[in-house]
Structure formats: C-alpha cells, structure tokens
C-alpha cells in the first residue's frame, strides 16, 4: 500500500526538489536550485508539502507548490 505522503515529491522525507517532467518548461539541475543549502531545500520541501495538504492532497501541482514555497520563503527572508 502506498502512503499518501509519498504521492507528493515535496513530502516530509523528500527534499530533492520538485518532480521533473511535465510541460512547465523548468530545467532540471538548474544552478539556482543546486546552490541552495540542504537546510533551505528542506524548508522549501516542508512548505511545498503543506501547500499540497491544504489542497487536500490532490496531485498534479508539485512544481507549482515547490515554486510557491520558494517564493514565500524568499519573500520572508527579504523582509528580515
């Protein structure tokens, strides 16, 4: 049986970034993503998973969740 938490790439145990593929045009292995610290990646992953849960765990929005989490955390950091 697959755990519902495993269905979203940004689940708590996963912090490698958004799922690759789809038609978003995002490049895998970008320098920007590679330069983020593991702690930052973990924070983004946790926030992306929270967004996924707020949407009642509907799949298909992993990249959008990841990018929104990045924007939120970057905005929070710039307000400090």
PDB file of N, CA and C in Angstrom:
ATOM      1  N   UNK A   1       0.838  -1.178   0.000  1.00  0.00           N
ATOM      2  CA  UNK A   1       0.000   0.000   0.000  1.00  0.00           C
ATOM      3  C   UNK A   1       0.882   1.240   0.000  1.00  0.00           C
ATOM      4  N   UNK A   2       0.527   2.213  -0.811  1.00  0.00           N
ATOM      5  CA  UNK A   2       1.312   3.442  -0.903  1.00  0.00           C
ATOM      6  C   UNK A   2       0.782   4.440   0.107  1.00  0.00           C
ATOM      7  N   UNK A   3       1.676   5.003   0.872  1.00  0.00           N
ATOM      8  CA  UNK A   3       1.338   6.024   1.837  1.00  0.00           C
ATOM      9  C   UNK A   3       0.978   7.300   1.093  1.00  0.00           C
ATOM     10  N   UNK A   4      -0.072   7.985   1.485  1.00  0.00           N
ATOM     11  CA  UNK A   4      -0.495   9.219   0.825  1.00  0.00           C
ATOM     12  C   UNK A   4       0.604  10.271   0.861  1.00  0.00           C
ATOM     13  N   UNK A   5       1.437  10.254   1.871  1.00  0.00           N
ATOM     14  CA  UNK A   5       2.521  11.225   1.954  1.00  0.00           C
ATOM     15  C   UNK A   5       3.536  11.036   0.832  1.00  0.00           C
ATOM     16  N   UNK A   6       3.650   9.815   0.309  1.00  0.00           N
ATOM     17  CA  UNK A   6       4.619   9.526  -0.731  1.00  0.00           C
ATOM     18  C   UNK A   6       4.190  10.027  -2.101  1.00  0.00           C
ATOM     19  N   UNK A   7       2.953  10.448  -2.247  1.00  0.00           N
ATOM     20  CA  UNK A   7       2.468  10.832  -3.565  1.00  0.00           C
ATOM     21  C   UNK A   7       2.884  12.228  -3.974  1.00  0.00           C
ATOM     22  N   UNK A   8       3.423  13.012  -3.077  1.00  0.00           N
ATOM     23  CA  UNK A   8       3.864  14.365  -3.414  1.00  0.00           C
ATOM     24  C   UNK A   8       5.372  14.435  -3.271  1.00  0.00           C
ATOM     25  N   UNK A   9       6.075  14.910  -4.316  1.00  0.00           N
ATOM     26  CA  UNK A   9       7.536  14.916  -4.286  1.00  0.00           C
ATOM     27  C   UNK A   9       8.128  15.755  -3.166  1.00  0.00           C
ATOM     28  N   UNK A  10       7.377  16.669  -2.630  1.00  0.00           N
ATOM     29  CA  UNK A  10       7.912  17.506  -1.567  1.00  0.00           C
ATOM     30  C   UNK A  10       7.504  16.995  -0.195  1.00  0.00           C
ATOM     31  N   UNK A  11       7.151  15.728  -0.099  1.00  0.00           N
ATOM     32  CA  UNK A  11       6.758  15.143   1.176  1.00  0.00           C
ATOM     33  C   UNK A  11       7.860  15.286   2.200  1.00  0.00           C
ATOM     34  N   UNK A  12       7.530  15.143   3.461  1.00  0.00           N
ATOM     35  CA  UNK A  12       8.487  15.381   4.536  1.00  0.00           C
ATOM     36  C   UNK A  12       9.806  14.636   4.403  1.00  0.00           C
ATOM     37  N   UNK A  13       9.799  13.443   3.868  1.00  0.00           N
ATOM     38  CA  UNK A  13      11.039  12.678   3.789  1.00  0.00           C
ATOM     39  C   UNK A  13      11.816  12.973   2.521  1.00  0.00           C
ATOM     40  N   UNK A  14      11.255  13.776   1.643  1.00  0.00           N
ATOM     41  CA  UNK A  14      11.901  14.039   0.361  1.00  0.00           C
ATOM     42  C   UNK A  14      12.222  15.516   0.248  1.00  0.00           C
ATOM     43  N   UNK A  15      13.455  15.841  -0.133  1.00  0.00           N
ATOM     44  CA  UNK A  15      13.819  17.246  -0.263  1.00  0.00           C
ATOM     45  C   UNK A  15      14.662  17.505  -1.493  1.00  0.00           C
ATOM     46  N   UNK A  16      14.517  16.680  -2.494  1.00  0.00           N
ATOM     47  CA  UNK A  16      15.332  16.825  -3.695  1.00  0.00           C
ATOM     48  C   UNK A  16      14.787  17.877  -4.637  1.00  0.00           C
ATOM     49  N   UNK A  17      13.637  18.438  -4.355  1.00  0.00           N
ATOM     50  CA  UNK A  17      13.072  19.464  -5.216  1.00  0.00           C
ATOM     51  C   UNK A  17      11.845  18.945  -5.916  1.00  0.00           C
ATOM     52  N   UNK A  18      11.310  19.755  -6.798  1.00  0.00           N
ATOM     53  CA  UNK A  18      10.082  19.368  -7.471  1.00  0.00           C
ATOM     54  C   UNK A  18      10.313  18.223  -8.431  1.00  0.00           C
ATOM     55  N   UNK A  19       9.248  17.513  -8.727  1.00  0.00           N
ATOM     56  CA  UNK A  19       9.344  16.421  -9.694  1.00  0.00           C
ATOM     57  C   UNK A  19       9.708  16.987 -11.049  1.00  0.00           C
ATOM     58  N   UNK A  20      10.565  16.314 -11.744  1.00  0.00           N
ATOM     59  CA  UNK A  20      10.963  16.760 -13.075  1.00  0.00           C
ATOM     60  C   UNK A  20       9.992  16.205 -14.086  1.00  0.00           C
ATOM     61  N   UNK A  21       9.854  16.907 -15.176  1.00  0.00           N
ATOM     62  CA  UNK A  21       8.946  16.459 -16.218  1.00  0.00           C
ATOM     63  C   UNK A  21       7.787  17.415 -16.315  1.00  0.00           C
ATOM     64  N   UNK A  22       6.771  17.027 -17.065  1.00  0.00           N
ATOM     65  CA  UNK A  22       5.637  17.896 -17.257  1.00  0.00           C
ATOM     66  C   UNK A  22       5.921  18.924 -18.316  1.00  0.00           C
ATOM     67  N   UNK A  23       4.999  19.843 -18.502  1.00  0.00           N
ATOM     68  CA  UNK A  23       5.150  20.813 -19.578  1.00  0.00           C
ATOM     69  C   UNK A  23       5.432  22.207 -19.061  1.00  0.00           C
ATOM     70  N   UNK A  24       5.992  22.329 -17.875  1.00  0.00           N
ATOM     71  CA  UNK A  24       6.226  23.635 -17.283  1.00  0.00           C
ATOM     72  C   UNK A  24       7.429  24.346 -17.887  1.00  0.00           C
ATOM     73  N   UNK A  25       8.297  23.623 -18.564  1.00  0.00           N
ATOM     74  CA  UNK A  25       9.481  24.231 -19.155  1.00  0.00           C
ATOM     75  C   UNK A  25      10.607  24.417 -18.162  1.00  0.00           C
ATOM     76  N   UNK A  26      10.471  23.947 -16.943  1.00  0.00           N
ATOM     77  CA  UNK A  26      11.520  24.095 -15.944  1.00  0.00           C
ATOM     78  C   UNK A  26      12.689  23.186 -16.289  1.00  0.00           C
ATOM     79  N   UNK A  27      13.899  23.714 -16.099  1.00  0.00           N
ATOM     80  CA  UNK A  27      15.096  22.920 -16.374  1.00  0.00           C
ATOM     81  C   UNK A  27      15.495  22.168 -15.125  1.00  0.00           C
ATOM     82  N   UNK A  28      15.888  20.922 -15.316  1.00  0.00           N
ATOM     83  CA  UNK A  28      16.354  20.159 -14.163  1.00  0.00           C
ATOM     84  C   UNK A  28      17.807  20.500 -13.904  1.00  0.00           C
ATOM     85  N   UNK A  29      18.180  20.476 -12.622  1.00  0.00           N
ATOM     86  CA  UNK A  29      19.571  20.718 -12.266  1.00  0.00           C
ATOM     87  C   UNK A  29      20.017  22.148 -12.481  1.00  0.00           C
ATOM     88  N   UNK A  30      19.113  23.107 -12.370  1.00  0.00           N
ATOM     89  CA  UNK A  30      19.491  24.498 -12.584  1.00  0.00           C
ATOM     90  C   UNK A  30      20.515  24.930 -11.545  1.00  0.00           C
ATOM     91  N   UNK A  31      21.319  25.910 -11.888  1.00  0.00           N
ATOM     92  CA  UNK A  31      22.342  26.388 -10.957  1.00  0.00           C
ATOM     93  C   UNK A  31      21.699  26.997  -9.728  1.00  0.00           C
ATOM     94  N   UNK A  32      20.569  27.659  -9.900  1.00  0.00           N
ATOM     95  CA  UNK A  32      19.905  28.266  -8.757  1.00  0.00           C
ATOM     96  C   UNK A  32      19.511  27.197  -7.749  1.00  0.00           C
ATOM     97  N   UNK A  33      18.911  26.117  -8.201  1.00  0.00           N
ATOM     98  CA  UNK A  33      18.496  25.047  -7.298  1.00  0.00           C
ATOM     99  C   UNK A  33      19.711  24.365  -6.686  1.00  0.00           C
ATOM    100  N   UNK A  34      20.750  24.160  -7.455  1.00  0.00           N
ATOM    101  CA  UNK A  34      21.939  23.481  -6.966  1.00  0.00           C
ATOM    102  C   UNK A  34      22.651  24.299  -5.893  1.00  0.00           C
ATOM    103  N   UNK A  35      22.486  25.632  -5.902  1.00  0.00           N
ATOM    104  CA  UNK A  35      23.195  26.476  -4.954  1.00  0.00           C
ATOM    105  C   UNK A  35      22.484  26.576  -3.608  1.00  0.00           C
ATOM    106  N   UNK A  36      21.286  26.074  -3.484  1.00  0.00           N
ATOM    107  CA  UNK A  36      20.554  26.134  -2.221  1.00  0.00           C
ATOM    108  C   UNK A  36      21.129  25.119  -1.232  1.00  0.00           C
ATOM    109  N   UNK A  37      21.224  25.546   0.020  1.00  0.00           N
ATOM    110  CA  UNK A  37      21.738  24.652   1.048  1.00  0.00           C
ATOM    111  C   UNK A  37      20.730  23.541   1.337  1.00  0.00           C
ATOM    112  N   UNK A  38      21.201  22.430   1.889  1.00  0.00           N
ATOM    113  CA  UNK A  38      20.268  21.353   2.251  1.00  0.00           C
ATOM    114  C   UNK A  38      19.179  21.832   3.215  1.00  0.00           C
ATOM    115  N   UNK A  39      19.522  22.754   4.129  1.00  0.00           N
ATOM    116  CA  UNK A  39      18.526  23.267   5.062  1.00  0.00           C
ATOM    117  C   UNK A  39      17.455  24.052   4.318  1.00  0.00           C
ATOM    118  N   UNK A  40      17.855  24.843   3.344  1.00  0.00           N
ATOM    119  CA  UNK A  40      16.894  25.614   2.554  1.00  0.00           C
ATOM    120  C   UNK A  40      16.019  24.672   1.747  1.00  0.00           C
ATOM    121  N   UNK A  41      16.608  23.664   1.140  1.00  0.00           N
ATOM    122  CA  UNK A  41      15.844  22.670   0.384  1.00  0.00           C
ATOM    123  C   UNK A  41      14.812  21.998   1.286  1.00  0.00           C
ATOM    124  N   UNK A  42      15.193  21.663   2.504  1.00  0.00           N
ATOM    125  CA  UNK A  42      14.272  21.023   3.450  1.00  0.00           C
ATOM    126  C   UNK A  42      13.110  21.952   3.797  1.00  0.00           C
ATOM    127  N   UNK A  43      13.412  23.231   4.035  1.00  0.00           N
ATOM    128  CA  UNK A  43      12.356  24.188   4.363  1.00  0.00           C
ATOM    129  C   UNK A  43      11.389  24.347   3.198  1.00  0.00           C
ATOM    130  N   UNK A  44      11.917  24.419   1.988  1.00  0.00           N
ATOM    131  CA  UNK A  44      11.065  24.535   0.807  1.00  0.00           C
ATOM    132  C   UNK A  44      10.201  23.285   0.673  1.00  0.00           C
ATOM    133  N   UNK A  45      10.819  22.119   0.860  1.00  0.00           N
ATOM    134  CA  UNK A  45      10.082  20.861   0.735  1.00  0.00           C
ATOM    135  C   UNK A  45       8.950  20.787   1.755  1.00  0.00           C
ATOM    136  N   UNK A  46       9.241  21.188   2.993  1.00  0.00           N
ATOM    137  CA  UNK A  46       8.198  21.153   4.023  1.00  0.00           C
ATOM    138  C   UNK A  46       7.051  22.097   3.677  1.00  0.00           C
ATOM    139  N   UNK A  47       7.385  23.316   3.212  1.00  0.00           N
ATOM    140  CA  UNK A  47       6.333  24.286   2.871  1.00  0.00           C
ATOM    141  C   UNK A  47       5.540  23.818   1.650  1.00  0.00           C
ATOM    142  N   UNK A  48       6.209  23.242   0.658  1.00  0.00           N
ATOM    143  CA  UNK A  48       5.516  22.720  -0.524  1.00  0.00           C
ATOM    144  C   UNK A  48       4.556  21.608  -0.120  1.00  0.00           C
ATOM    145  N   UNK A  49       4.965  20.777   0.811  1.00  0.00           N
ATOM    146  CA  UNK A  49       4.092  19.703   1.279  1.00  0.00           C
ATOM    147  C   UNK A  49       2.889  20.275   2.029  1.00  0.00           C
ATOM    148  N   UNK A  50       3.098  21.339   2.801  1.00  0.00           N
ATOM    149  CA  UNK A  50       1.972  21.992   3.475  1.00  0.00           C
ATOM    150  C   UNK A  50       0.959  22.512   2.453  1.00  0.00           C
ATOM    151  N   UNK A  51       1.454  23.104   1.375  1.00  0.00           N
ATOM    152  CA  UNK A  51       0.561  23.597   0.321  1.00  0.00           C
ATOM    153  C   UNK A  51      -0.218  22.442  -0.301  1.00  0.00           C
ATOM    154  N   UNK A  52       0.462  21.337  -0.517  1.00  0.00           N
ATOM    155  CA  UNK A  52      -0.173  20.127  -1.049  1.00  0.00           C
ATOM    156  C   UNK A  52      -1.282  19.649  -0.118  1.00  0.00           C
ATOM    157  N   UNK A  53      -1.006  19.631   1.169  1.00  0.00           N
ATOM    158  CA  UNK A  53      -2.017  19.196   2.131  1.00  0.00           C
ATOM    159  C   UNK A  53      -3.196  20.162   2.186  1.00  0.00           C
ATOM    160  N   UNK A  54      -2.941  21.457   2.052  1.00  0.00           N
ATOM    161  CA  UNK A  54      -4.017  22.444   2.048  1.00  0.00           C
ATOM    162  C   UNK A  54      -4.958  22.239   0.860  1.00  0.00           C
ATOM    163  N   UNK A  55      -4.436  21.678  -0.207  1.00  0.00           N
ATOM    164  CA  UNK A  55      -5.221  21.388  -1.400  1.00  0.00           C
ATOM    165  C   UNK A  55      -5.841  19.995  -1.307  1.00  0.00           C
ATOM    166  N   UNK A  56      -5.901  19.450  -0.121  1.00  0.00           N
ATOM    167  CA  UNK A  56      -6.466  18.133   0.152  1.00  0.00           C
ATOM    168  C   UNK A  56      -5.744  17.021  -0.606  1.00  0.00           C
ATOM    169  N   UNK A  57      -4.428  17.178  -0.719  1.00  0.00           N
ATOM    170  CA  UNK A  57      -3.535  16.164  -1.306  1.00  0.00           C
ATOM    171  C   UNK A  57      -3.889  15.785  -2.742  1.00  0.00           C
ATOM    172  N   UNK A  58      -4.387  16.747  -3.498  1.00  0.00           N
ATOM    173  CA  UNK A  58      -4.643  16.489  -4.917  1.00  0.00           C
ATOM    174  C   UNK A  58      -3.319  16.580  -5.667  1.00  0.00           C
ATOM    175  N   UNK A  59      -3.036  15.565  -6.445  1.00  0.00           N
ATOM    176  CA  UNK A  59      -1.781  15.502  -7.195  1.00  0.00           C
ATOM    177  C   UNK A  59      -1.831  16.382  -8.437  1.00  0.00           C
ATOM    178  N   UNK A  60      -0.655  16.599  -9.012  1.00  0.00           N
ATOM    179  CA  UNK A  60      -0.550  17.320 -10.262  1.00  0.00           C
ATOM    180  C   UNK A  60      -0.049  18.747 -10.115  1.00  0.00           C
ATOM    181  N   UNK A  61       0.243  19.170  -8.897  1.00  0.00           N
ATOM    182  CA  UNK A  61       0.663  20.549  -8.664  1.00  0.00           C
ATOM    183  C   UNK A  61       2.022  20.636  -7.962  1.00  0.00           C
ATOM    184  N   UNK A  62       2.814  19.604  -8.035  1.00  0.00           N
ATOM    185  CA  UNK A  62       4.083  19.564  -7.286  1.00  0.00           C
ATOM    186  C   UNK A  62       5.012  20.716  -7.650  1.00  0.00           C
ATOM    187  N   UNK A  63       5.175  20.974  -8.924  1.00  0.00           N
ATOM    188  CA  UNK A  63       6.085  22.049  -9.336  1.00  0.00           C
ATOM    189  C   UNK A  63       5.564  23.401  -8.858  1.00  0.00           C
ATOM    190  N   UNK A  64       4.274  23.637  -9.016  1.00  0.00           N
ATOM    191  CA  UNK A  64       3.692  24.895  -8.563  1.00  0.00           C
ATOM    192  C   UNK A  64       3.838  25.057  -7.057  1.00  0.00           C
ATOM    193  N   UNK A  65       3.624  23.966  -6.310  1.00  0.00           N
ATOM    194  CA  UNK A  65       3.798  24.012  -4.856  1.00  0.00           C
ATOM    195  C   UNK A  65       5.234  24.373  -4.503  1.00  0.00           C
ATOM    196  N   UNK A  66       6.173  23.741  -5.194  1.00  0.00           N
ATOM    197  CA  UNK A  66       7.598  23.989  -4.924  1.00  0.00           C
ATOM    198  C   UNK A  66       7.948  25.452  -5.213  1.00  0.00           C
ATOM    199  N   UNK A  67       7.525  25.946  -6.357  1.00  0.00           N
ATOM    200  CA  UNK A  67       7.851  27.327  -6.734  1.00  0.00           C
ATOM    201  C   UNK A  67       7.175  28.332  -5.805  1.00  0.00           C
ATOM    202  N   UNK A  68       5.936  28.069  -5.424  1.00  0.00           N
ATOM    203  CA  UNK A  68       5.255  28.951  -4.470  1.00  0.00           C
ATOM    204  C   UNK A  68       5.960  28.944  -3.127  1.00  0.00           C
ATOM    205  N   UNK A  69       6.398  27.778  -2.682  1.00  0.00           N
ATOM    206  CA  UNK A  69       7.132  27.682  -1.414  1.00  0.00           C
ATOM    207  C   UNK A  69       8.433  28.470  -1.498  1.00  0.00           C
ATOM    208  N   UNK A  70       9.151  28.347  -2.618  1.00  0.00           N
ATOM    209  CA  UNK A  70      10.389  29.121  -2.797  1.00  0.00           C
ATOM    210  C   UNK A  70      10.112  30.615  -2.714  1.00  0.00           C
ATOM    211  N   UNK A  71       9.069  31.056  -3.410  1.00  0.00           N
ATOM    212  CA  UNK A  71       8.728  32.486  -3.405  1.00  0.00           C
ATOM    213  C   UNK A  71       8.359  32.961  -1.997  1.00  0.00           C
ATOM    214  N   UNK A  72       7.549  32.186  -1.302  1.00  0.00           N
ATOM    215  CA  UNK A  72       7.147  32.562   0.055  1.00  0.00           C
ATOM    216  C   UNK A  72       8.354  32.683   0.966  1.00  0.00           C
ATOM    217  N   UNK A  73       9.232  31.699   0.918  1.00  0.00           N
ATOM    218  CA  UNK A  73      10.400  31.720   1.803  1.00  0.00           C
ATOM    219  C   UNK A  73      11.380  32.824   1.414  1.00  0.00           C
ATOM    220  N   UNK A  74      11.523  33.089   0.121  1.00  0.00           N
ATOM    221  CA  UNK A  74      12.401  34.168  -0.323  1.00  0.00           C
ATOM    222  C   UNK A  74      11.832  35.511   0.121  1.00  0.00           C
ATOM    223  N   UNK A  75      10.525  35.659   0.038  1.00  0.00           N
ATOM    224  CA  UNK A  75       9.874  36.894   0.474  1.00  0.00           C
ATOM    225  C   UNK A  75      10.026  37.101   1.972  1.00  0.00           C
ATOM    226  N   UNK A  76       9.883  36.035   2.724  1.00  0.00           N
ATOM    227  CA  UNK A  76      10.038  36.122   4.180  1.00  0.00           C
ATOM    228  C   UNK A  76      11.464  36.505   4.547  1.00  0.00           C
ATOM    229  N   UNK A  77      12.428  35.947   3.810  1.00  0.00           N
ATOM    230  CA  UNK A  77      13.832  36.246   4.087  1.00  0.00           C
ATOM    231  C   UNK A  77      14.177  37.700   3.740  1.00  0.00           C
ATOM    232  N   UNK A  78      13.573  38.218   2.679  1.00  0.00           N
ATOM    233  CA  UNK A  78      13.890  39.589   2.271  1.00  0.00           C
ATOM    234  C   UNK A  78      13.251  40.630   3.189  1.00  0.00           C
ATOM    235  N   UNK A  79      12.214  40.242   3.941  1.00  0.00           N
ATOM    236  CA  UNK A  79      11.567  41.177   4.869  1.00  0.00           C
ATOM    237  C   UNK A  79      12.304  41.271   6.192  1.00  0.00           C
ATOM    238  N   UNK A  80      13.307  40.450   6.397  1.00  0.00           N
ATOM    239  CA  UNK A  80      14.055  40.465   7.675  1.00  0.00           C
ATOM    240  C   UNK A  80      15.019  41.603   7.733  1.00  0.00           C
TER     241      UNK A  80
END
